[in-house]
Structure formats: C-alpha cells, structure tokens
Protein backbone atom coordinates (compact mmCIF):
# COMPACT_ATOMS: atom_id res chain seq x y z
CA MET A 1 -29.43 -8.52 4.50
CA GLU A 2 -27.70 -5.66 6.24
CA TRP A 3 -27.92 -7.38 9.41
CA LEU A 4 -26.23 -10.39 7.92
CA ILE A 5 -23.43 -8.32 6.40
CA GLY A 6 -22.89 -6.52 10.04
CA VAL A 7 -22.77 -9.56 11.72
CA LEU A 8 -20.36 -11.05 9.42
CA LEU A 9 -18.08 -7.85 9.62
CA CYS A 10 -18.10 -7.77 13.57
CA LEU A 11 -17.13 -11.51 13.56
CA GLY A 12 -14.52 -11.16 10.93
CA GLY A 13 -13.18 -8.39 12.69
CA LEU A 14 -13.23 -10.00 16.10
CA PHE A 15 -11.60 -13.07 14.73
CA VAL A 16 -8.88 -11.03 13.51
CA LEU A 17 -8.36 -9.21 16.61
CA VAL A 18 -8.15 -12.50 18.44
CA ALA A 19 -5.60 -13.51 15.91
CA SER A 20 -3.47 -10.47 16.41
CA LEU A 21 -3.52 -10.78 20.15
CA GLY A 22 -2.52 -14.34 19.80
CA VAL A 23 0.48 -13.36 17.78
CA LEU A 24 1.35 -10.62 20.42
CA ARG A 25 0.63 -12.70 23.59
CA LEU A 26 1.52 -16.13 22.78
CA PRO A 27 5.09 -17.45 24.23
CA ASP A 28 6.66 -19.35 21.15
CA LEU A 29 6.43 -19.61 17.20
CA PHE A 30 4.35 -22.66 17.25
CA THR A 31 1.58 -21.20 19.16
CA ARG A 32 1.98 -17.95 17.39
CA MET A 33 1.48 -19.75 14.11
CA HIS A 34 -1.56 -21.52 15.40
CA ALA A 35 -3.38 -18.35 16.40
CA ALA A 36 -2.21 -16.73 13.25
CA THR A 37 -3.62 -19.41 10.84
CA LYS A 38 -6.50 -20.54 12.25
CA ALA A 39 -8.57 -17.46 13.78
CA GLY A 40 -6.64 -15.28 11.09
CA THR A 41 -8.00 -17.46 8.28
CA VAL A 42 -11.71 -17.75 9.64
CA GLY A 43 -11.52 -14.03 10.24
CA LEU A 44 -10.60 -13.13 6.73
CA GLY A 45 -13.27 -15.49 5.26
CA LEU A 46 -15.79 -13.92 7.22
CA LEU A 47 -14.87 -10.56 6.08
CA LEU A 48 -14.74 -11.48 2.38
CA LEU A 49 -18.06 -13.39 2.71
CA ALA A 50 -19.44 -9.89 4.03
CA VAL A 51 -17.98 -8.32 0.94
CA ALA A 52 -19.70 -10.89 -1.28
CA PHE A 53 -23.14 -10.40 0.18
CA ALA A 54 -22.65 -6.31 0.08
CA ILE A 55 -21.87 -6.32 -3.47
CA PRO A 56 -23.69 -9.24 -5.11
CA ASP A 57 -21.93 -8.89 -8.55
CA ILE A 58 -20.70 -11.76 -10.58
CA THR A 59 -17.18 -10.21 -10.66
CA VAL A 60 -16.69 -9.53 -7.19
CA ILE A 61 -18.03 -12.84 -5.85
CA SER A 62 -15.78 -14.88 -8.03
CA ARG A 63 -12.79 -12.63 -6.85
CA VAL A 64 -13.91 -13.37 -3.14
CA ILE A 65 -14.13 -17.09 -3.78
CA GLY A 66 -10.71 -17.32 -5.57
CA THR A 67 -9.25 -15.33 -2.78
CA MET A 68 -11.04 -17.39 0.10
CA LEU A 69 -9.97 -20.70 -2.03
CA PHE A 70 -6.22 -19.10 -2.16
CA ILE A 71 -6.06 -18.23 1.64
CA PHE A 72 -7.76 -21.59 2.82
CA LEU A 73 -5.26 -23.54 1.06
CA THR A 74 -2.11 -21.85 1.63
CA ALA A 75 -2.12 -20.19 5.12
CA PRO A 76 -2.21 -23.86 6.66
CA VAL A 77 0.24 -25.25 4.33
CA ALA A 78 2.57 -22.35 4.93
CA ALA A 79 2.20 -22.71 8.59
CA HIS A 80 3.01 -26.44 8.65
CA LEU A 81 6.12 -25.90 6.56
CA LEU A 82 7.23 -23.13 8.75
CA GLY A 83 6.81 -25.31 11.76
CA LYS A 84 8.38 -28.30 10.25
CA ALA A 85 11.55 -26.24 9.25
CA MET A 86 11.80 -24.64 12.79
CA LYS A 87 11.58 -28.00 14.29
CA GLN A 88 14.28 -29.49 12.17
CA SER A 89 16.54 -26.54 12.88
CA GLY A 90 16.56 -27.35 16.52
CA TYR A 91 13.77 -24.79 17.79
CA LYS A 92 12.69 -25.93 21.11
CA MET A 93 8.91 -25.80 21.80
CA TRP A 94 7.61 -23.80 24.95
CA GLN A 95 7.59 -25.62 28.18
CA LYS A 96 5.50 -24.04 31.08
CA LYS A 97 7.91 -23.90 34.26
CA GLU A 98 6.27 -24.69 37.48
C-alpha cells in the first residue's frame, strides 16, 4: 500500500509541476488555461486519491470524493467560461510567427 501511495503522490506532484510550468511558459491565456485545467485537475485528483489510500477512514474518503467531484466539475467549466469571455472581449489567440 505504501508503494501505491508513493506512486500517486509522485505522479500528482509531477502533474502539478507540469501545470505550473505550463502556466509560466505558454504564450497566451488560452494555452495557459488548458495547462492549468487539465494537468492541475489530474494532479490534484492523484494527490487526493493518495490521501484517501493513506487515511482509510470514511470521513476522509467522503471528503476526498466530495473535493474531487467539486474540482472535476468546476475547473473545466470555469476555464471554458473564462475562455469564452476573453474571446468575446476580442482577445487575440497567439499565432506563431515564421
């Protein structure tokens, strides 16, 4: 069980690290939102899953499930609405210059 928890913690940390690097390095709002939403959500889900395996108590597991559902439902919707608002306000997408 300790190996599984360790693997989940390492993978979750890696995904969160990739998400933060994506937010720092990507060129415009739309690609940054994609990195933060996808990798950040998966990373947080893996970290919460590790907590659920490390502390197998019904109160902890129910809170982990509730938090995961909340994050999985709200993060993509918030990113979509933010992207839609930015597009309607005239924000130009990044174009690679050759």
